[in-house]
Amino acid sequence: MTAGNAFFQSAASRYSAANADTLNWMLDRPRLGPGFLNTKVNSLTLADYGEADGLRGPHYVYGWIQGRGLEALVTHAAFFEDRDPALAKRLDEAGRSLFRVLGELRSRDGHVYFRYDAGLQPVRVTGEETVTTQEPADEVFTYSDAFAAKGLVAAAARFTPEELPEHLSYLGNVITAIEEGRFQMGEENPLGAESIAAEPDDFGPRMILLGAAGMLERCGLEQHTAYARRFIDHVIDNHLDTETGLLRNVPGGDACNVGHGIEFAGFALDHAQVRDDSGLVSLLERILIASFQASFEQTGLHLAVSVSSGEKLSPFRPWWSLPETIRTAALAHHLTASREALSVWQRADAAFFNHYWRGHPPIAYQTRTSVGPTDYVPATPDLDPGYHTGLSLLAAIHVAEALATTIPAHAAR
C-alpha cells in the first residue's frame, strides 16, 4: 500500500466516523422550541448554555444556524442511506421536523432572520446586549436567507419535490438581491438601504450562494445554476490580487479573509461546469495554496492577512477554515493530481484533528490563538450543526474513496 493510498483510506474512514459521531450527538440532544437543532454548548467547558448566558442561551434561536443545519441533515441522510440506515432514518426525521418549522418561519414574510427571541420574533442587539425588534426585511435579503434557502431547497428535493418551485424562487430572490444591491451582510443593524449603503463590497455573499451550485446539481437541479459562473467571474475580476493569488475582501482593499477565499475556491471546484475548465481549475488551486500559505501558523489559519505585507491581521484561528481547506484541497487534488494541493490537504487534516477536534464529545473548539483554545465566537454561539465541518468532510470522503481505489494510476505532478 502506498503512503498516498493509506492517507486516502484513513481520511475517508476518519471523516465518516467523525461526521456520524457528531450527527448522532446532535440528534441525541433535546430540540429547541418546536423542532430546532440544539448545539448550544460551550466548546471549551462543554457546558450547555443556559438562561444566564443571555444571547448564547436557549431562549434565542439563530435562523442562520438552522438553515445550515437543515442542509447538513438532508445531505448526510442521503450519504448514510446505504452505509448506516439507522442514522439516515434519524437524520430524515429531524430533517422533516426542521424543514417544517423553518418553512413556517419563512412563510411569515418571505424571510428568515438571524436571531429570534423566545416568542420567535426577529430581534437584533444594540449597545451592551440591548435587544430590540428587527425591522422587516421587505426587499432586503441576508445571509440568514441564503442559508435558509439552501436548506429548504435541499430538503424539498428529498422530502417534497412538489414544493421545489416555492423554495427555488426563494433562493432565486437571494441571488437577485445580491446582483441588484439589496443584500445586507450585517444583520445586527436595521435592515434597509441605509445599512446596505454603509457596508463594504465584500465577496462573501457571492461566495456563500456559490455553495448552492453543487447542492443543486446533486439534487438534479443543475438547470438552476446559471448564476454560478457569473458569481465566479465577478469575484475573480474584482477581488483577485494577481500577484499574490489572494482574494481581497473588497476591491482595492488590503485585507484578505483567507478562509473565505479557500471556501470560494472549494465551492467553485464543486460546480460541474468549472471542472471542465482547466485554466480556471488551476487558478482556483492557486487561490487555495496562496491563502493557506499566507495564513497557516502552528495550529490553524489566521482569520485575516494583509495582501500587501502578509501580516496576520487577527490573532484568531477559527475552526471552520480547516475543514473548508480539506474540502477545497481534496477537490483540487482530485482534478489536478497536484502534490501541493495534497500537502495542503494533509496539513489541514493534521491541524484540525490534532488541535481542534475534541472527539469526546465529537465537536471542535470554535477558535484558537497562539496560546490555545479561546472563547471567541466566529458567527453564532451555537456550534456547527454538521455544515462547515460535516459537509466539508463529506466532500473529501467522496474524493478520498475514489482515490483510494485509483491511486496506482493517479500520478501526482
Protein backbone atom coordinates (compact mmCIF):
# COMPACT_ATOMS: atom_id res chain seq x y z
CA MET A 1 0.00 0.00 0.00
CA THR A 2 1.41 3.43 -0.96
CA ALA A 3 1.60 6.28 1.54
CA GLY A 4 -0.93 8.22 -0.52
CA ASN A 5 -3.31 5.30 -0.63
CA ALA A 6 -3.01 4.86 3.14
CA PHE A 7 -3.81 8.53 3.71
CA PHE A 8 -6.90 8.41 1.49
CA GLN A 9 -8.22 5.30 3.21
CA SER A 10 -7.54 6.74 6.65
CA ALA A 11 -9.11 10.07 5.77
CA ALA A 12 -12.28 8.53 4.37
CA SER A 13 -12.71 6.36 7.45
CA ARG A 14 -11.94 9.12 9.98
CA TYR A 15 -14.13 11.69 8.27
CA SER A 16 -17.08 9.33 8.02
CA ALA A 17 -16.77 8.32 11.67
CA ALA A 18 -16.41 11.95 12.82
CA ASN A 19 -19.49 13.01 10.89
CA ALA A 20 -21.57 10.08 12.15
CA ASP A 21 -20.50 10.73 15.73
CA THR A 22 -21.28 14.45 15.51
CA LEU A 23 -24.67 13.87 13.92
CA ASN A 24 -25.67 11.26 16.49
CA TRP A 25 -24.50 13.58 19.29
CA MET A 26 -26.58 16.41 17.85
CA LEU A 27 -29.66 14.21 17.34
CA ASP A 28 -29.43 12.92 20.91
CA ARG A 29 -29.78 16.44 22.28
CA PRO A 30 -33.22 17.88 23.13
CA ARG A 31 -34.68 20.11 20.45
CA LEU A 32 -35.24 23.82 20.89
CA GLY A 33 -38.83 25.01 20.71
CA PRO A 34 -40.95 23.36 18.03
CA GLY A 35 -38.09 21.35 16.45
CA PHE A 36 -34.94 23.43 16.10
CA LEU A 37 -31.50 21.87 16.38
CA ASN A 38 -29.74 22.41 19.69
CA THR A 39 -25.96 22.80 19.61
CA LYS A 40 -25.83 25.38 22.39
CA VAL A 41 -22.69 24.10 24.07
CA ASN A 42 -19.57 25.94 25.17
CA SER A 43 -16.78 24.26 23.18
CA LEU A 44 -14.23 24.97 25.95
CA THR A 45 -16.12 23.96 29.10
CA LEU A 46 -18.55 21.54 27.37
CA ALA A 47 -21.33 23.05 29.49
CA ASP A 48 -24.72 23.62 27.93
CA TYR A 49 -25.58 27.29 27.62
CA GLY A 50 -28.41 28.29 29.94
CA GLU A 51 -30.60 31.29 30.64
CA ALA A 52 -27.72 33.06 32.40
CA ASP A 53 -25.75 33.02 29.14
CA GLY A 54 -28.06 35.56 27.56
CA LEU A 55 -27.77 35.67 23.79
CA ARG A 56 -25.98 32.32 23.80
CA GLY A 57 -28.76 30.68 25.75
CA PRO A 58 -31.75 28.54 24.76
CA HIS A 59 -34.20 31.44 24.57
CA TYR A 60 -32.62 32.63 21.32
CA VAL A 61 -32.80 30.72 18.05
CA TYR A 62 -30.50 31.61 15.16
CA GLY A 63 -32.10 31.24 11.74
CA TRP A 64 -28.62 31.31 10.21
CA ILE A 65 -27.56 28.12 12.01
CA GLN A 66 -30.88 26.33 11.49
CA GLY A 67 -30.67 26.84 7.72
CA ARG A 68 -27.16 25.42 7.73
CA GLY A 69 -28.33 22.53 9.87
CA LEU A 70 -31.18 21.64 7.55
CA GLU A 71 -28.87 21.39 4.53
CA ALA A 72 -26.48 19.25 6.58
CA LEU A 73 -29.21 16.90 7.83
CA VAL A 74 -30.65 16.05 4.43
CA THR A 75 -27.27 15.86 2.66
CA HIS A 76 -25.91 13.47 5.26
CA ALA A 77 -29.13 11.44 5.22
CA ALA A 78 -28.54 10.72 1.54
CA PHE A 79 -24.91 9.76 2.24
CA PHE A 80 -25.69 7.41 5.12
CA GLU A 81 -28.77 5.85 3.49
CA ASP A 82 -26.90 2.70 2.47
CA ARG A 83 -23.99 2.93 4.93
CA ASP A 84 -25.91 3.47 8.17
CA PRO A 85 -29.68 3.20 7.58
CA ALA A 86 -30.48 3.78 11.26
CA LEU A 87 -28.61 7.09 11.27
CA ALA A 88 -30.15 8.08 7.93
CA LYS A 89 -33.60 7.46 9.39
CA ARG A 90 -32.84 9.66 12.39
CA LEU A 91 -31.49 12.39 10.11
CA ASP A 92 -34.60 12.27 7.96
CA GLU A 93 -36.88 12.50 10.99
CA ALA A 94 -35.03 15.53 12.30
CA GLY A 95 -34.82 16.98 8.80
CA ARG A 96 -38.55 16.74 8.21
CA SER A 97 -39.23 18.46 11.52
CA LEU A 98 -36.76 21.27 10.89
CA PHE A 99 -37.98 21.62 7.29
CA ARG A 100 -41.48 22.25 8.63
CA VAL A 101 -40.58 24.81 11.30
CA LEU A 102 -38.05 26.68 9.17
CA GLY A 103 -40.54 26.76 6.32
CA GLU A 104 -43.15 28.21 8.67
CA LEU A 105 -40.77 30.97 9.72
CA ARG A 106 -40.04 31.87 6.10
CA SER A 107 -43.73 31.80 5.15
CA ARG A 108 -44.48 34.69 7.50
CA ASP A 109 -42.99 37.39 5.29
CA GLY A 110 -40.71 35.60 2.83
CA HIS A 111 -37.61 35.83 5.02
CA VAL A 112 -35.65 34.05 7.71
CA TYR A 113 -33.87 36.23 10.27
CA PHE A 114 -30.58 35.94 12.10
CA ARG A 115 -31.91 35.85 15.68
CA TYR A 116 -35.32 35.07 17.15
CA ASP A 117 -36.40 35.57 20.76
CA ALA A 118 -38.35 33.08 22.88
CA GLY A 119 -41.55 34.10 21.09
CA LEU A 120 -39.87 33.52 17.71
CA GLN A 121 -39.92 37.21 16.87
CA PRO A 122 -36.91 38.59 14.93
CA VAL A 123 -34.63 40.69 17.15
CA ARG A 124 -31.26 42.38 16.92
CA VAL A 125 -28.84 43.69 19.51
CA THR A 126 -27.71 47.26 20.10
CA GLY A 127 -25.09 48.51 22.52
CA GLU A 128 -24.43 46.28 25.53
CA GLU A 129 -26.63 43.35 24.54
CA THR A 130 -29.76 45.51 24.43
CA VAL A 131 -32.32 43.51 22.46
CA THR A 132 -34.70 45.29 20.15
CA THR A 133 -37.11 44.27 17.40
CA GLN A 134 -35.54 43.76 13.98
CA GLU A 135 -37.10 45.79 11.16
CA PRO A 136 -38.99 43.81 8.46
CA ALA A 137 -36.66 42.78 5.67
CA ASP A 138 -39.07 43.57 2.84
CA GLU A 139 -36.93 43.63 -0.34
CA VAL A 140 -33.64 43.13 1.54
CA PHE A 141 -32.11 39.65 1.77
CA THR A 142 -29.41 38.42 4.13
CA TYR A 143 -27.03 35.59 4.94
CA SER A 144 -29.81 34.04 7.01
CA ASP A 145 -31.99 34.00 3.90
CA ALA A 146 -29.12 32.45 1.94
CA PHE A 147 -28.57 29.61 4.41
CA ALA A 148 -32.28 29.02 4.88
CA ALA A 149 -32.95 28.97 1.14
CA LYS A 150 -30.20 26.42 0.55
CA GLY A 151 -31.53 24.21 3.32
CA LEU A 152 -35.14 24.47 2.20
CA VAL A 153 -34.28 23.58 -1.40
CA ALA A 154 -32.20 20.58 -0.33
CA ALA A 155 -34.96 19.40 1.99
CA ALA A 156 -37.73 19.86 -0.57
CA ALA A 157 -35.74 17.90 -3.13
CA ARG A 158 -35.56 15.00 -0.67
CA PHE A 159 -38.97 15.16 1.00
CA THR A 160 -41.50 17.14 -1.05
CA PRO A 161 -40.43 17.72 -4.67
CA GLU A 162 -43.79 19.33 -5.37
CA GLU A 163 -42.72 22.25 -3.15
CA LEU A 164 -39.46 22.87 -5.01
CA PRO A 165 -40.75 25.78 -7.12
CA GLU A 166 -41.55 27.76 -3.97
CA HIS A 167 -38.15 27.24 -2.39
CA LEU A 168 -36.23 27.66 -5.64
CA SER A 169 -37.98 31.00 -6.01
CA TYR A 170 -36.74 31.98 -2.54
CA LEU A 171 -33.20 31.01 -3.49
CA GLY A 172 -33.55 32.95 -6.72
CA ASN A 173 -34.68 36.01 -4.77
CA VAL A 174 -31.50 35.91 -2.70
CA ILE A 175 -29.34 35.63 -5.82
CA THR A 176 -31.16 38.51 -7.48
CA ALA A 177 -30.84 40.65 -4.36
CA ILE A 178 -27.05 40.22 -4.44
CA GLU A 179 -26.84 41.31 -8.06
CA GLU A 180 -29.22 44.23 -7.52
CA GLY A 181 -27.54 45.59 -4.38
CA ARG A 182 -30.32 44.55 -1.98
CA PHE A 183 -28.26 42.10 0.09
CA GLN A 184 -27.28 43.10 3.63
CA MET A 185 -24.43 41.29 5.40
CA GLY A 186 -24.66 42.80 8.89
CA GLU A 187 -27.86 41.58 10.48
CA GLU A 188 -27.31 43.36 13.79
CA ASN A 189 -28.07 46.66 12.01
CA PRO A 190 -31.53 47.78 10.93
CA LEU A 191 -32.38 46.05 7.67
CA GLY A 192 -32.64 48.52 4.81
CA ALA A 193 -30.97 50.58 2.11
CA GLU A 194 -29.11 52.83 4.57
CA SER A 195 -27.35 49.91 6.22
CA ILE A 196 -26.52 48.34 2.86
CA ALA A 197 -25.00 51.58 1.58
CA ALA A 198 -22.65 51.66 4.57
CA GLU A 199 -21.35 48.12 4.03
CA PRO A 200 -18.17 47.19 2.15
CA ASP A 201 -18.37 45.46 -1.23
CA ASP A 202 -17.31 42.10 0.21
CA PHE A 203 -17.35 38.95 -1.92
CA GLY A 204 -18.88 36.95 0.95
CA PRO A 205 -22.48 36.93 -0.34
CA ARG A 206 -21.49 35.63 -3.77
CA MET A 207 -19.22 33.07 -2.14
CA ILE A 208 -21.96 31.68 0.11
CA LEU A 209 -24.53 31.45 -2.69
CA LEU A 210 -21.95 29.83 -4.95
CA GLY A 211 -22.15 26.96 -2.47
CA ALA A 212 -25.68 26.24 -3.68
CA ALA A 213 -24.46 25.26 -7.17
CA GLY A 214 -23.03 21.88 -6.19
CA MET A 215 -26.02 21.19 -3.97
CA LEU A 216 -28.43 21.95 -6.80
CA GLU A 217 -26.51 19.62 -9.12
CA ARG A 218 -26.67 16.78 -6.60
CA CYS A 219 -30.41 17.35 -6.35
CA GLY A 220 -30.80 17.07 -10.13
CA LEU A 221 -31.48 20.80 -10.42
CA GLU A 222 -28.46 21.84 -12.48
CA GLN A 223 -30.67 23.98 -14.73
CA HIS A 224 -30.83 26.49 -11.86
CA THR A 225 -27.06 27.08 -11.63
CA ALA A 226 -26.54 29.60 -14.43
CA TYR A 227 -25.79 32.31 -11.88
CA ALA A 228 -22.75 30.44 -10.55
CA ARG A 229 -20.34 31.33 -13.34
CA ARG A 230 -21.40 34.98 -13.11
CA PHE A 231 -20.55 34.95 -9.42
CA ILE A 232 -17.20 33.24 -10.01
CA ASP A 233 -16.23 35.68 -12.75
CA HIS A 234 -17.31 38.67 -10.65
CA VAL A 235 -15.19 37.64 -7.67
CA ILE A 236 -12.11 36.88 -9.77
CA ASP A 237 -12.44 40.05 -11.85
CA ASN A 238 -12.96 42.34 -8.86
CA HIS A 239 -11.22 40.73 -5.87
CA LEU A 240 -8.26 38.66 -7.08
CA ASP A 241 -4.80 40.06 -6.46
CA THR A 242 -2.97 38.54 -9.40
CA GLU A 243 0.47 38.98 -7.83
CA THR A 244 -0.23 37.03 -4.62
CA GLY A 245 -3.17 34.84 -5.64
CA LEU A 246 -5.17 36.14 -2.66
CA LEU A 247 -8.74 37.45 -2.76
CA ARG A 248 -9.14 40.93 -1.34
CA ASN A 249 -12.25 41.22 0.83
CA VAL A 250 -13.19 44.36 -1.07
CA PRO A 251 -11.85 45.63 -4.41
CA GLY A 252 -8.73 47.69 -3.81
CA GLY A 253 -8.61 46.80 -0.12
CA ASP A 254 -5.70 45.18 1.69
CA ALA A 255 -7.44 42.68 3.99
CA CYS A 256 -7.96 39.07 2.92
CA ASN A 257 -10.24 36.68 4.80
CA VAL A 258 -8.28 33.60 3.81
CA GLY A 259 -10.96 31.16 4.93
CA HIS A 260 -13.49 32.85 2.66
CA GLY A 261 -11.02 32.70 -0.22
CA ILE A 262 -10.50 28.99 0.33
CA GLU A 263 -14.23 28.42 0.71
CA PHE A 264 -14.87 30.30 -2.54
CA ALA A 265 -12.38 28.10 -4.37
CA GLY A 266 -13.96 24.97 -2.92
CA PHE A 267 -17.49 25.93 -3.86
CA ALA A 268 -16.33 26.79 -7.36
CA LEU A 269 -14.50 23.45 -7.76
CA ASP A 270 -17.67 21.70 -6.60
CA HIS A 271 -19.57 23.17 -9.58
CA ALA A 272 -19.65 20.71 -12.50
CA GLN A 273 -19.11 23.33 -15.22
CA VAL A 274 -15.90 24.53 -13.57
CA ARG A 275 -14.30 21.10 -13.53
CA ASP A 276 -14.07 21.08 -17.34
CA ASP A 277 -12.20 24.41 -17.41
CA SER A 278 -8.56 23.52 -16.72
CA GLY A 279 -7.41 27.14 -16.64
CA LEU A 280 -10.00 28.08 -14.04
CA VAL A 281 -9.26 24.95 -12.00
CA SER A 282 -5.58 25.91 -11.91
CA LEU A 283 -6.44 29.44 -10.78
CA LEU A 284 -8.72 28.17 -8.03
CA GLU A 285 -5.98 25.81 -6.87
CA ARG A 286 -3.60 28.77 -6.77
CA ILE A 287 -6.05 30.72 -4.58
CA LEU A 288 -6.24 27.73 -2.22
CA ILE A 289 -2.47 27.29 -1.91
CA ALA A 290 -1.72 31.01 -1.66
CA SER A 291 -4.39 31.53 1.01
CA PHE A 292 -3.18 28.58 3.06
CA GLN A 293 0.47 29.55 2.87
CA ALA A 294 -0.27 33.16 3.76
CA SER A 295 -2.28 32.38 6.88
CA PHE A 296 -1.39 28.97 8.33
CA GLU A 297 0.67 29.08 11.50
CA GLN A 298 1.24 26.34 14.07
CA THR A 299 -2.30 25.10 14.67
CA GLY A 300 -4.57 26.81 12.18
CA LEU A 301 -5.34 29.62 9.78
CA HIS A 302 -5.44 33.21 10.96
CA LEU A 303 -8.75 34.85 10.22
CA ALA A 304 -7.27 37.58 8.01
CA VAL A 305 -3.97 38.65 6.47
CA SER A 306 -2.65 41.71 4.69
CA VAL A 307 -2.40 41.24 0.94
CA SER A 308 0.45 43.74 0.62
CA SER A 309 2.63 42.75 3.57
CA GLY A 310 1.50 39.26 4.51
CA GLU A 311 0.98 40.37 8.12
CA LYS A 312 -1.53 38.34 10.13
CA LEU A 313 -4.29 40.82 10.91
CA SER A 314 -6.11 38.74 13.53
CA PRO A 315 -4.90 36.54 16.38
CA PHE A 316 -7.94 34.30 15.95
CA ARG A 317 -7.74 30.98 14.14
CA PRO A 318 -11.32 29.70 13.76
CA TRP A 319 -12.05 26.01 13.33
CA TRP A 320 -14.13 26.30 10.18
CA SER A 321 -11.36 27.31 7.78
CA LEU A 322 -9.56 23.98 8.29
CA PRO A 323 -12.38 21.65 7.15
CA GLU A 324 -13.08 24.10 4.34
CA THR A 325 -9.41 23.74 3.37
CA ILE A 326 -9.74 19.96 3.49
CA ARG A 327 -12.70 20.12 1.10
CA THR A 328 -11.06 22.53 -1.33
CA ALA A 329 -7.70 20.78 -1.33
CA ALA A 330 -9.33 17.38 -1.86
CA LEU A 331 -11.37 18.65 -4.80
CA ALA A 332 -8.34 20.39 -6.30
CA HIS A 333 -6.04 17.39 -5.90
CA HIS A 334 -8.64 15.11 -7.46
CA LEU A 335 -8.70 17.31 -10.56
CA THR A 336 -5.02 18.25 -10.87
CA ALA A 337 -3.08 15.49 -9.06
CA SER A 338 -1.02 18.33 -7.56
CA ARG A 339 1.39 17.40 -4.78
CA GLU A 340 0.98 20.94 -3.39
CA ALA A 341 -2.78 20.52 -3.07
CA LEU A 342 -2.30 17.12 -1.44
CA SER A 343 0.17 18.62 1.02
CA VAL A 344 -2.31 21.35 1.95
CA TRP A 345 -4.99 18.69 2.44
CA GLN A 346 -2.75 16.64 4.73
CA ARG A 347 -1.55 19.64 6.74
CA ALA A 348 -5.10 20.92 7.25
CA ASP A 349 -6.24 17.42 8.21
CA ALA A 350 -3.49 17.09 10.82
CA ALA A 351 -4.09 20.57 12.25
CA PHE A 352 -7.83 20.06 12.59
CA PHE A 353 -7.76 16.63 14.17
CA ASN A 354 -4.73 17.34 16.38
CA HIS A 355 -5.64 20.80 17.63
CA TYR A 356 -9.38 21.42 17.26
CA TRP A 357 -11.22 18.11 17.27
CA ARG A 358 -12.22 17.08 20.78
CA GLY A 359 -13.50 13.61 19.97
CA HIS A 360 -15.36 13.19 23.25
CA PRO A 361 -17.78 14.78 22.60
CA PRO A 362 -17.40 14.87 18.79
CA ILE A 363 -17.15 18.64 18.40
CA ALA A 364 -14.37 21.13 17.67
CA TYR A 365 -13.05 24.10 19.59
CA GLN A 366 -14.55 27.10 17.84
CA THR A 367 -11.41 29.24 17.91
CA ARG A 368 -7.76 29.08 18.91
CA THR A 369 -5.00 31.65 19.26
CA SER A 370 -1.27 31.08 19.66
CA VAL A 371 -1.80 30.22 23.33
CA GLY A 372 -4.64 27.73 22.87
CA PRO A 373 -8.43 27.47 22.62
CA THR A 374 -10.25 30.73 23.37
CA ASP A 375 -13.81 31.84 23.94
CA TYR A 376 -14.28 33.73 20.68
CA VAL A 377 -17.48 33.17 18.68
CA PRO A 378 -16.87 33.46 14.90
CA ALA A 379 -20.52 33.94 13.87
CA THR A 380 -23.11 32.31 16.11
CA PRO A 381 -22.75 30.87 19.64
CA ASP A 382 -24.38 27.62 18.51
CA LEU A 383 -21.80 25.01 17.50
CA ASP A 384 -21.55 23.79 13.93
CA PRO A 385 -24.57 21.57 13.05
CA GLY A 386 -22.65 19.45 10.53
CA TYR A 387 -22.28 22.27 8.00
CA HIS A 388 -18.73 23.68 7.86
CA THR A 389 -17.21 20.55 9.31
CA GLY A 390 -19.65 17.88 8.16
CA LEU A 391 -20.31 18.95 4.59
CA SER A 392 -16.64 19.78 4.02
CA LEU A 393 -15.51 16.38 5.26
CA LEU A 394 -18.30 14.74 3.27
CA ALA A 395 -16.96 16.18 0.01
CA ALA A 396 -13.48 14.99 0.95
CA ILE A 397 -14.81 11.49 1.72
CA HIS A 398 -16.03 11.10 -1.85
CA VAL A 399 -12.63 12.18 -3.18
CA ALA A 400 -10.66 10.02 -0.75
CA GLU A 401 -12.72 6.94 -1.54
CA ALA A 402 -12.28 7.49 -5.26
CA LEU A 403 -8.52 7.99 -4.93
CA ALA A 404 -8.05 5.07 -2.57
CA THR A 405 -9.19 2.76 -5.35
CA THR A 406 -7.44 4.53 -8.22
CA ILE A 407 -4.15 5.65 -6.70
CA PRO A 408 -1.91 3.32 -8.79
CA ALA A 409 -2.95 5.20 -11.91
CA HIS A 410 -3.04 8.59 -10.17
CA ALA A 411 0.38 10.03 -10.93
CA ALA A 412 0.95 13.18 -8.89
CA ARG A 413 2.72 16.04 -10.58
